[in-house]
Amino acid sequence: MAINKVSNFSDLIHRVTASCFLHPLAADRHHSSQISPSDDSDDSDDYPPNPRISEYLAQQEEDIENTENGSIARARRSDGEFGDVEVLIGEVFEAFSAVKKAYVSLQEAHCPWDPDRMRVCDAAVVAELRRIGVLRERFRRKNVGGERGRRVVGATLREVVAPYEAAVEELKRELKVKEVEVENLKDKLKNAVVVTGGSGGKKNGRGHHQSKRRVGCSTQTPVSLSPAPEVFEATMSMVREASKSFTALLLSLMKSAHWDITAAVRSIEAAAGATTNATMDSIVGPNHAKYAMESYVNRKFFQGFDHETFYMDGSLSSLLHPDQFRRDCFTQYRDMKAMDPIELLGILPTCDFGKFCCKKYLSIIHPKMEESLFGDLEQRCQVLAGNHPRSRFYGDFLGLAKAIWLLHLLAFSLEPPPSYFEGSKGADFHSQYMESVVRFPGGRVVGGQVVGFPVSPGFKLASGSVIKARVYLVPKNDF
């Protein structure tokens, strides 16, 4: 009998434990009630309920009840969250559809060109992208909880906001630059009105007002910045890019006019002293005619660079009043930097810069060359009359002329001014002062190379930095 009682008790514990682990829902609760001690009449008759066992079974039933309620709550919550996710996904699809439409509208605004519509469409695209970012944050907040979730959401928000903060800072910087440019242009406009409408100007035979003042050299404009070698180096880089662009255009026009490029290069080399006889074979290798043409253009443009006015007059202001002259030059540099040369010459066609452009154009473009390239001498006639054509060719020419004029102003703004030098023909190559326009295998110039002809000049600044002269190298035996 004792053995049966122990067996029944062990069986009871086993059945309760199995029920808790295998059937946590309502059915288990019903099953547990079926196997409770009160239903085991035989055992209850012989053994009264043990308080500890009864307490354990009650706790188990309470846990089962809580599990069931929790499962039902989670199921309801999951249904609600699933519905929210469906709504969120629908909004995401709508946002992407709106982005697509806004982007298509932005593309359509490019042709025909409509700046106002482009700005509106661009704002629409940005707004829809921001909307997608907001939807992403909603999704993350629903799926990430606790302290870790807050950290992740905070980091994500910083990631979203950071690009816009950077854009705002960039716009603020651009706004400050534009404000300075606006003030400079206002001062220039006042000066132009005074020069063209006041007693300080006089009319020439064509009805234009001719000014004796240097363009933009108004001493009334306060100089808040000072010239620096770094600015000079950056301007020299601009000169080189403008020189390459204008040379490429000139060479393409020569090819379109069916010029003998080889003969033209030989003529340029002979004029530069690179060859002793124009009938000799050219030292320029195949596909290198652009370097000879660039050498020709730069040689003409930089002629007279060491004089304060390119020898257009006998001014000695840099010697008589050096400090004031340096301030005036840098003020003019600041005023001219942001101006379109065509607009400037439209206001003051006979200013010093206008005279410089006319002089250099007539020097670089020979009458026969212009007639061959364009079929007439119309542009030359306009330049001789003191005017400035509105053609693409002359516009590219003015771009290079402006860059060199700004470099010249900066050179005379520095104290001491940079030292001008160039690689002379036949000189040995020195990597410290020269740079080859032709790239060698491995990036290093092989030995035994000499300068065939200079391409662009170099400068040594007071800071010790060197802007290398660009040269065309040839083997010493072939020179």
Protein backbone atom coordinates (compact mmCIF):
# COMPACT_ATOMS: atom_id res chain seq x y z
CA MET A 1 0.00 0.00 0.00
CA ALA A 2 2.87 2.35 0.82
CA ILE A 3 4.47 1.55 -2.51
CA ASN A 4 1.24 2.48 -4.35
CA LYS A 5 1.02 5.77 -2.43
CA VAL A 6 4.55 6.74 -3.35
CA SER A 7 3.95 5.76 -6.95
CA ASN A 8 0.75 7.81 -7.14
CA PHE A 9 2.50 10.83 -5.64
CA SER A 10 5.42 10.62 -8.11
CA ASP A 11 3.00 10.16 -10.99
CA LEU A 12 1.11 13.24 -9.87
CA ILE A 13 4.24 15.41 -9.84
CA HIS A 14 5.29 14.08 -13.24
CA ARG A 15 1.87 14.80 -14.78
CA VAL A 16 1.77 18.35 -13.39
CA THR A 17 5.29 19.16 -14.62
CA ALA A 18 4.61 17.73 -18.10
CA SER A 19 1.41 19.72 -18.30
CA CYS A 20 3.25 22.99 -17.45
CA PHE A 21 5.89 22.48 -20.12
CA LEU A 22 3.85 20.97 -22.94
CA HIS A 23 0.43 22.64 -22.68
CA PRO A 24 0.73 26.26 -21.46
CA LEU A 25 -2.68 27.42 -22.76
CA ALA A 26 -6.25 27.04 -21.56
CA ALA A 27 -6.41 23.40 -22.53
CA ASP A 28 -3.58 22.72 -20.08
CA ARG A 29 -5.43 24.45 -17.34
CA HIS A 30 -8.40 22.19 -17.98
CA HIS A 31 -6.11 19.17 -18.13
CA SER A 32 -4.43 20.17 -14.90
CA SER A 33 -7.76 20.42 -13.19
CA GLN A 34 -8.47 16.89 -14.29
CA ILE A 35 -5.35 15.59 -12.63
CA SER A 36 -5.59 17.65 -9.46
CA PRO A 37 -5.55 15.79 -6.13
CA SER A 38 -9.20 16.53 -5.55
CA ASP A 39 -10.09 14.35 -8.54
CA ASP A 40 -8.03 11.42 -7.35
CA SER A 41 -10.57 10.06 -4.94
CA ASP A 42 -8.60 6.99 -4.09
CA ASP A 43 -5.50 8.90 -3.11
CA SER A 44 -7.38 11.59 -1.28
CA ASP A 45 -9.08 9.07 0.83
CA ASP A 46 -5.84 7.58 2.03
CA TYR A 47 -3.69 10.71 1.95
CA PRO A 48 -4.98 14.16 2.81
CA PRO A 49 -3.74 17.02 0.56
CA ASN A 50 -0.24 18.15 1.37
CA PRO A 51 -0.16 21.98 1.85
CA ARG A 52 3.15 22.36 0.03
CA ILE A 53 1.91 20.38 -2.97
CA SER A 54 -1.34 22.35 -3.04
CA GLU A 55 0.61 25.63 -2.95
CA TYR A 56 2.88 24.44 -5.75
CA LEU A 57 -0.06 23.40 -7.94
CA ALA A 58 -1.81 26.72 -7.30
CA GLN A 59 1.33 28.59 -8.33
CA GLN A 60 1.60 26.50 -11.47
CA GLU A 61 -2.01 27.27 -12.39
CA GLU A 62 -1.44 30.98 -11.78
CA ASP A 63 1.64 30.88 -14.04
CA ILE A 64 -0.36 29.14 -16.74
CA GLU A 65 -3.07 31.82 -16.43
CA ASN A 66 -0.49 34.60 -16.75
CA THR A 67 1.12 32.87 -19.74
CA GLU A 68 -2.21 32.62 -21.48
CA ASN A 69 -3.06 36.26 -20.84
CA GLY A 70 0.41 37.31 -22.03
CA SER A 71 0.09 35.28 -25.21
CA ILE A 72 -3.27 36.82 -25.97
CA ALA A 73 -1.92 40.33 -25.32
CA ARG A 74 1.09 39.71 -27.53
CA ALA A 75 -1.12 38.36 -30.26
CA ARG A 76 -3.34 41.46 -30.07
CA ARG A 77 -0.31 43.75 -30.00
CA SER A 78 1.25 41.91 -32.95
CA ASP A 79 -1.95 42.34 -34.93
CA GLY A 80 -1.91 46.07 -34.16
CA GLU A 81 1.77 46.45 -34.99
CA PHE A 82 1.33 44.49 -38.20
CA GLY A 83 -1.39 46.89 -39.18
CA ASP A 84 0.87 49.86 -38.39
CA VAL A 85 3.65 48.34 -40.49
CA GLU A 86 1.25 47.90 -43.40
CA VAL A 87 0.30 51.57 -43.17
CA LEU A 88 3.96 52.56 -42.91
CA ILE A 89 4.92 50.50 -45.96
CA GLY A 90 2.09 52.10 -47.90
CA GLU A 91 3.37 55.55 -46.97
CA VAL A 92 6.90 54.55 -48.02
CA PHE A 93 5.65 53.45 -51.44
CA GLU A 94 3.73 56.70 -51.80
CA ALA A 95 6.85 58.69 -50.86
CA PHE A 96 9.00 56.87 -53.41
CA SER A 97 6.35 57.41 -56.07
CA ALA A 98 6.35 61.13 -55.22
CA VAL A 99 10.16 61.20 -55.42
CA LYS A 100 10.00 59.61 -58.86
CA LYS A 101 7.47 62.15 -60.10
CA ALA A 102 9.45 65.06 -58.64
CA TYR A 103 12.67 63.79 -60.24
CA VAL A 104 10.98 63.41 -63.63
CA SER A 105 9.73 66.99 -63.32
CA LEU A 106 13.25 68.10 -62.43
CA GLN A 107 14.63 66.41 -65.56
CA GLU A 108 11.94 67.99 -67.73
CA ALA A 109 12.89 71.42 -66.35
CA HIS A 110 16.34 71.05 -67.91
CA CYS A 111 15.02 71.04 -71.48
CA PRO A 112 13.90 73.64 -72.18
CA TRP A 113 16.01 75.34 -69.52
CA ASP A 114 13.70 76.72 -66.81
CA PRO A 115 15.63 77.85 -63.70
CA ASP A 116 12.51 78.73 -61.68
CA ARG A 117 10.88 75.38 -62.33
CA MET A 118 14.17 73.62 -61.57
CA ARG A 119 14.32 75.26 -58.16
CA VAL A 120 10.74 74.24 -57.38
CA CYS A 121 11.28 70.64 -58.53
CA ASP A 122 14.53 70.40 -56.63
CA ALA A 123 12.78 71.54 -53.46
CA ALA A 124 10.07 68.92 -54.06
CA VAL A 125 12.65 66.13 -54.40
CA VAL A 126 14.37 67.21 -51.18
CA ALA A 127 11.03 67.38 -49.35
CA GLU A 128 10.10 63.83 -50.39
CA LEU A 129 13.53 62.53 -49.37
CA ARG A 130 13.07 64.12 -45.97
CA ARG A 131 9.66 62.48 -45.76
CA ILE A 132 11.28 59.08 -46.39
CA GLY A 133 13.79 59.84 -43.63
CA VAL A 134 10.93 60.56 -41.22
CA LEU A 135 9.24 57.27 -42.15
CA ARG A 136 12.48 55.43 -41.52
CA GLU A 137 12.71 56.95 -38.05
CA ARG A 138 9.12 55.93 -37.29
CA PHE A 139 9.92 52.37 -38.26
CA ARG A 140 13.07 52.26 -36.14
CA ARG A 141 11.30 53.71 -33.12
CA LYS A 142 8.63 51.00 -33.38
CA ASN A 143 11.17 48.18 -33.63
CA VAL A 144 13.92 49.37 -31.28
CA GLY A 145 13.21 49.79 -27.57
CA GLY A 146 15.03 50.40 -24.32
CA GLU A 147 18.15 52.39 -23.66
CA ARG A 148 19.96 50.79 -26.61
CA GLY A 149 17.09 51.73 -28.87
CA ARG A 150 17.24 55.34 -27.72
CA ARG A 151 20.97 55.42 -28.42
CA VAL A 152 20.45 53.96 -31.90
CA VAL A 153 17.63 56.39 -32.69
CA GLY A 154 19.72 59.31 -31.41
CA ALA A 155 22.67 58.27 -33.57
CA THR A 156 20.38 57.82 -36.57
CA LEU A 157 18.85 61.25 -36.09
CA ARG A 158 22.33 62.77 -35.95
CA GLU A 159 23.18 60.98 -39.19
CA VAL A 160 20.06 62.39 -40.84
CA VAL A 161 20.56 65.93 -39.55
CA ALA A 162 24.35 66.16 -40.11
CA PRO A 163 24.21 66.59 -43.94
CA TYR A 164 21.62 69.35 -43.64
CA GLU A 165 23.65 71.14 -40.97
CA ALA A 166 26.73 70.94 -43.21
CA ALA A 167 24.69 72.27 -46.14
CA VAL A 168 23.42 75.16 -44.01
CA GLU A 169 26.96 76.07 -42.98
CA GLU A 170 28.11 75.93 -46.59
CA LEU A 171 25.22 78.18 -47.64
CA LYS A 172 26.12 80.63 -44.88
CA ARG A 173 29.70 80.79 -46.14
CA GLU A 174 28.51 81.27 -49.72
CA LEU A 175 26.14 84.00 -48.54
CA LYS A 176 29.00 85.88 -46.89
CA VAL A 177 31.07 85.62 -50.08
CA LYS A 178 28.15 86.88 -52.17
CA GLU A 179 27.59 89.78 -49.78
CA VAL A 180 31.22 90.82 -50.18
CA GLU A 181 30.91 90.53 -53.96
CA VAL A 182 27.73 92.62 -53.93
CA GLU A 183 29.44 95.36 -51.92
CA ASN A 184 32.40 95.34 -54.31
CA LEU A 185 30.10 95.55 -57.32
CA LYS A 186 28.20 98.43 -55.73
CA ASP A 187 31.46 100.31 -55.25
CA LYS A 188 32.48 99.59 -58.83
CA LEU A 189 29.14 100.80 -60.12
CA LYS A 190 29.51 104.04 -58.18
CA ASN A 191 33.02 104.49 -59.54
CA ALA A 192 31.87 103.74 -63.09
CA VAL A 193 29.05 106.28 -62.84
CA VAL A 194 31.48 108.89 -61.58
CA VAL A 195 34.01 108.10 -64.30
CA THR A 196 31.56 107.96 -67.21
CA GLY A 197 29.17 110.69 -66.15
CA GLY A 198 31.31 113.13 -64.20
CA SER A 199 33.88 115.67 -65.16
CA GLY A 200 36.69 113.16 -64.63
CA GLY A 201 36.01 111.48 -67.99
CA LYS A 202 36.26 112.71 -71.52
CA LYS A 203 34.72 111.50 -74.74
CA ASN A 204 36.75 110.16 -77.61
CA GLY A 205 35.77 110.30 -81.24
CA ARG A 206 33.45 107.27 -80.99
CA GLY A 207 31.38 108.68 -78.15
CA HIS A 208 32.94 106.48 -75.47
CA HIS A 209 34.08 107.94 -72.20
CA GLN A 210 37.77 107.43 -71.64
CA SER A 211 39.03 107.26 -68.08
CA LYS A 212 42.50 107.97 -66.79
CA ARG A 213 41.88 105.92 -63.67
CA ARG A 214 42.91 102.28 -63.24
CA VAL A 215 39.99 99.87 -63.26
CA GLY A 216 38.71 99.17 -59.79
CA CYS A 217 41.67 100.86 -58.05
CA SER A 218 39.43 102.84 -55.75
CA THR A 219 41.16 103.76 -52.51
CA GLN A 220 37.74 104.25 -50.88
CA THR A 221 37.20 100.50 -50.63
CA PRO A 222 38.72 99.20 -47.37
CA VAL A 223 41.18 96.36 -47.77
CA SER A 224 40.18 93.69 -45.26
CA LEU A 225 42.46 91.01 -46.65
CA SER A 226 46.10 90.97 -47.62
CA PRO A 227 47.80 89.27 -50.56
CA ALA A 228 49.43 85.93 -49.81
CA PRO A 229 51.73 83.57 -51.75
CA GLU A 230 49.03 80.89 -51.65
CA VAL A 231 46.65 83.20 -53.54
CA PHE A 232 49.33 83.83 -56.16
CA GLU A 233 49.90 80.08 -56.61
CA ALA A 234 46.17 79.45 -57.01
CA THR A 235 45.90 82.23 -59.59
CA MET A 236 48.84 80.78 -61.53
CA SER A 237 46.99 77.45 -61.67
CA MET A 238 44.00 79.33 -63.08
CA VAL A 239 46.27 80.93 -65.71
CA ARG A 240 47.54 77.53 -66.82
CA GLU A 241 44.05 76.09 -67.17
CA ALA A 242 42.84 79.11 -69.14
CA SER A 243 45.94 78.93 -71.35
CA LYS A 244 45.30 75.27 -72.17
CA SER A 245 41.64 75.97 -72.95
CA PHE A 246 42.34 78.91 -75.27
CA THR A 247 45.20 77.07 -77.00
CA ALA A 248 42.99 74.04 -77.63
CA LEU A 249 40.31 76.28 -79.18
CA LEU A 250 42.86 78.07 -81.37
CA LEU A 251 44.38 74.78 -82.55
CA SER A 252 40.96 73.32 -83.37
CA LEU A 253 40.11 76.40 -85.48
CA MET A 254 43.41 76.04 -87.32
CA LYS A 255 42.67 72.39 -88.08
CA SER A 256 39.15 73.28 -89.25
CA ALA A 257 40.69 75.87 -91.58
CA HIS A 258 42.99 73.11 -92.96
CA TRP A 259 46.20 74.67 -91.75
CA ASP A 260 49.50 72.84 -92.10
CA ILE A 261 50.03 72.37 -88.36
CA THR A 262 53.57 71.05 -88.81
CA ALA A 263 54.59 74.12 -90.79
CA ALA A 264 52.94 76.38 -88.21
CA VAL A 265 54.82 74.63 -85.40
CA ARG A 266 58.13 75.00 -87.25
CA SER A 267 57.42 78.69 -87.64
CA ILE A 268 56.69 79.02 -83.92
CA GLU A 269 59.88 77.15 -83.02
CA ALA A 270 61.94 79.35 -85.29
CA ALA A 271 60.45 82.49 -83.74
CA ALA A 272 61.24 81.12 -80.28
CA GLY A 273 64.80 80.25 -81.30
CA ALA A 274 64.24 76.54 -80.77
CA THR A 275 65.61 75.83 -84.24
CA THR A 276 68.17 77.71 -86.25
CA ASN A 277 66.35 77.32 -89.53
CA ALA A 278 62.63 77.25 -90.19
CA THR A 279 63.12 74.62 -92.88
CA MET A 280 64.63 72.15 -90.41
CA ASP A 281 62.58 69.28 -89.05
CA SER A 282 60.45 70.17 -86.06
CA ILE A 283 61.69 69.10 -82.63
CA VAL A 284 58.09 68.68 -81.50
CA GLY A 285 56.97 65.08 -81.40
CA PRO A 286 53.72 63.74 -82.85
CA ASN A 287 50.55 65.06 -81.17
CA HIS A 288 52.57 67.71 -79.31
CA ALA A 289 51.64 70.71 -81.44
CA LYS A 290 49.49 72.02 -78.58
CA TYR A 291 52.61 72.65 -76.49
CA ALA A 292 54.22 74.73 -79.23
CA MET A 293 50.99 76.70 -79.64
CA GLU A 294 50.70 77.23 -75.88
CA SER A 295 54.31 78.40 -75.78
CA TYR A 296 53.54 80.96 -78.49
CA VAL A 297 50.43 82.28 -76.69
CA ASN A 298 52.12 82.50 -73.28
CA ARG A 299 55.21 84.19 -74.70
CA LYS A 300 53.04 86.92 -76.19
CA PHE A 301 50.89 87.33 -73.09
CA PHE A 302 53.72 87.43 -70.53
CA GLN A 303 55.81 89.86 -72.54
CA GLY A 304 56.20 92.94 -70.31
CA PHE A 305 54.98 91.12 -67.18
CA ASP A 306 57.83 92.61 -65.12
CA HIS A 307 56.52 96.17 -65.70
CA GLU A 308 53.65 97.61 -63.69
CA THR A 309 51.56 98.34 -66.82
CA PHE A 310 53.04 95.83 -69.29
CA TYR A 311 54.89 98.80 -70.83
CA MET A 312 51.64 100.31 -72.05
CA ASP A 313 52.80 103.62 -70.58
CA GLY A 314 55.75 105.01 -68.66
CA SER A 315 54.14 104.91 -65.22
CA LEU A 316 56.50 104.74 -62.22
CA SER A 317 53.91 104.55 -59.44
CA SER A 318 55.38 101.30 -58.11
CA LEU A 319 58.67 103.15 -57.49
CA LEU A 320 57.36 106.55 -56.39
CA HIS A 321 54.57 105.33 -54.09
CA PRO A 322 55.21 101.61 -53.57
CA ASP A 323 52.93 101.04 -50.55
CA GLN A 324 49.96 102.83 -52.07
CA PHE A 325 50.53 101.12 -55.42
CA ARG A 326 50.52 97.68 -53.78
CA ARG A 327 47.26 98.46 -51.98
CA ASP A 328 45.66 99.72 -55.17
CA CYS A 329 46.72 96.62 -57.09
CA PHE A 330 45.28 94.25 -54.52
CA THR A 331 42.06 96.24 -54.28
CA GLN A 332 41.71 96.02 -58.05
CA TYR A 333 42.40 92.29 -57.87
CA ARG A 334 39.58 91.83 -55.34
CA ASP A 335 37.20 93.92 -57.42
CA MET A 336 37.95 92.17 -60.70
CA LYS A 337 38.10 88.59 -59.47
CA ALA A 338 34.34 88.05 -59.36
CA MET A 339 33.53 90.13 -62.47
CA ASP A 340 32.83 88.87 -65.96
CA PRO A 341 35.44 90.53 -68.22
CA ILE A 342 32.82 91.13 -70.91
CA GLU A 343 30.63 93.04 -68.43
CA LEU A 344 33.61 95.01 -67.16
CA LEU A 345 34.70 96.01 -70.66
CA GLY A 346 31.10 96.83 -71.53
CA ILE A 347 31.26 99.53 -68.82
CA LEU A 348 34.85 100.67 -69.32
CA PRO A 349 36.06 99.47 -72.73
CA THR A 350 39.14 101.72 -72.73
CA CYS A 351 40.32 101.07 -69.18
CA ASP A 352 43.81 99.70 -68.57
CA PHE A 353 42.56 96.13 -68.74
CA GLY A 354 40.75 96.89 -71.99
CA LYS A 355 43.94 98.37 -73.45
CA PHE A 356 45.85 95.29 -72.33
CA CYS A 357 43.34 92.98 -74.08
CA CYS A 358 43.49 94.97 -77.31
CA LYS A 359 47.28 95.03 -77.31
CA LYS A 360 47.64 91.31 -76.68
CA TYR A 361 44.94 90.29 -79.17
CA LEU A 362 46.59 92.25 -81.97
CA SER A 363 49.93 90.75 -80.98
CA ILE A 364 48.76 87.13 -80.88
CA ILE A 365 46.25 87.03 -83.76
CA HIS A 366 47.91 88.06 -87.03
CA PRO A 367 45.61 89.58 -89.67
CA LYS A 368 46.23 86.68 -92.08
CA MET A 369 45.55 84.21 -89.28
CA GLU A 370 42.24 85.87 -88.40
CA GLU A 371 41.13 86.07 -92.00
CA SER A 372 41.99 82.41 -92.50
CA LEU A 373 40.19 81.29 -89.32
CA PHE A 374 37.06 83.46 -89.56
CA GLY A 375 36.89 84.53 -93.21
CA ASP A 376 37.09 88.25 -92.45
CA LEU A 377 38.75 90.85 -90.21
CA GLU A 378 35.62 91.99 -88.40
CA GLN A 379 36.89 91.19 -84.90
CA ARG A 380 40.20 92.88 -85.57
CA CYS A 381 38.43 96.02 -86.77
CA GLN A 382 36.36 96.13 -83.57
CA VAL A 383 39.48 95.72 -81.42
CA LEU A 384 41.31 98.44 -83.34
CA ALA A 385 38.31 100.70 -82.71
CA GLY A 386 38.63 100.12 -78.96
CA ASN A 387 35.66 97.75 -78.73
CA HIS A 388 35.48 94.13 -77.65
CA PRO A 389 33.66 91.50 -79.78
CA ARG A 390 31.05 89.24 -78.25
CA SER A 391 32.24 86.08 -80.00
CA ARG A 392 33.09 82.79 -78.31
CA PHE A 393 36.68 83.00 -79.48
CA TYR A 394 37.18 86.47 -78.04
CA GLY A 395 35.38 85.38 -74.86
CA ASP A 396 37.92 82.57 -74.33
CA PHE A 397 40.68 85.03 -75.09
CA LEU A 398 39.32 87.40 -72.42
CA GLY A 399 39.23 84.53 -69.91
CA LEU A 400 42.97 83.99 -70.31
CA ALA A 401 43.65 87.74 -70.43
CA LYS A 402 41.78 88.27 -67.15
CA ALA A 403 43.66 85.43 -65.43
CA ILE A 404 47.05 86.87 -66.44
CA TRP A 405 45.95 90.39 -65.49
CA LEU A 406 44.93 89.18 -62.02
CA LEU A 407 48.25 87.35 -61.67
CA HIS A 408 50.06 90.57 -62.63
CA LEU A 409 48.10 92.55 -60.02
CA LEU A 410 48.93 89.99 -57.35
CA ALA A 411 52.61 90.03 -58.29
CA PHE A 412 52.75 93.79 -57.71
CA SER A 413 50.70 93.43 -54.50
CA LEU A 414 53.32 91.24 -52.83
CA GLU A 415 56.37 92.57 -51.07
CA PRO A 416 58.81 91.61 -52.39
CA PRO A 417 57.25 90.67 -55.75
CA PRO A 418 57.81 87.13 -57.08
CA SER A 419 60.87 86.49 -59.25
CA TYR A 420 59.95 85.68 -62.84
CA PHE A 421 61.91 83.03 -64.76
CA GLU A 422 61.51 80.57 -67.62
CA GLY A 423 63.45 77.63 -69.02
CA SER A 424 65.64 78.84 -71.86
CA LYS A 425 66.24 76.64 -74.89
CA GLY A 426 69.13 74.23 -74.55
CA ALA A 427 69.24 74.52 -70.75
CA ASP A 428 69.66 71.35 -68.72
CA PHE A 429 66.56 70.10 -66.95
CA HIS A 430 66.34 70.90 -63.21
CA SER A 431 63.42 69.26 -61.46
CA GLN A 432 63.51 71.89 -58.67
CA TYR A 433 62.58 74.67 -61.09
CA MET A 434 61.15 72.94 -64.15
CA GLU A 435 58.27 70.65 -65.00
CA SER A 436 58.06 68.66 -68.23
CA VAL A 437 54.80 68.99 -70.13
CA VAL A 438 55.42 65.58 -71.70
CA ARG A 439 55.06 62.68 -69.28
CA PHE A 440 57.86 60.12 -69.19
CA PRO A 441 57.41 56.42 -68.36
CA GLY A 442 57.36 55.98 -64.61
CA GLY A 443 56.74 59.68 -64.06
CA ARG A 444 60.46 60.55 -63.88
CA VAL A 445 62.41 62.49 -66.51
CA VAL A 446 65.22 60.39 -67.97
CA GLY A 447 68.74 61.76 -68.07
CA GLY A 448 70.21 63.67 -70.98
CA GLN A 449 67.16 65.92 -71.52
CA VAL A 450 67.39 69.62 -72.31
CA VAL A 451 64.82 72.36 -72.83
CA GLY A 452 63.54 72.47 -76.38
CA PHE A 453 61.43 75.56 -75.69
CA PRO A 454 59.59 77.08 -72.68
CA VAL A 455 55.86 76.53 -72.45
CA SER A 456 54.92 78.72 -69.46
CA PRO A 457 57.01 80.75 -66.99
CA GLY A 458 57.78 79.99 -63.37
CA PHE A 459 57.99 82.14 -60.24
CA LYS A 460 59.97 82.07 -57.02
CA LEU A 461 58.10 83.63 -54.11
CA ALA A 462 59.45 85.34 -51.03
CA SER A 463 58.08 82.49 -48.90
CA GLY A 464 60.60 80.19 -50.56
CA SER A 465 58.03 78.24 -52.57
CA VAL A 466 58.63 77.79 -56.29
CA ILE A 467 56.06 77.65 -59.09
CA LYS A 468 57.86 75.51 -61.63
CA ALA A 469 58.29 76.63 -65.22
CA ARG A 470 56.72 74.26 -67.73
CA VAL A 471 59.09 73.21 -70.50
CA TYR A 472 59.15 70.93 -73.53
CA LEU A 473 62.10 68.56 -73.23
CA VAL A 474 64.06 66.89 -76.01
CA PRO A 475 67.07 64.57 -75.96
CA LYS A 476 70.31 66.53 -75.87
CA ASN A 477 71.63 64.69 -78.93
CA ASP A 478 68.59 65.67 -81.02
CA PHE A 479 68.70 69.36 -80.14
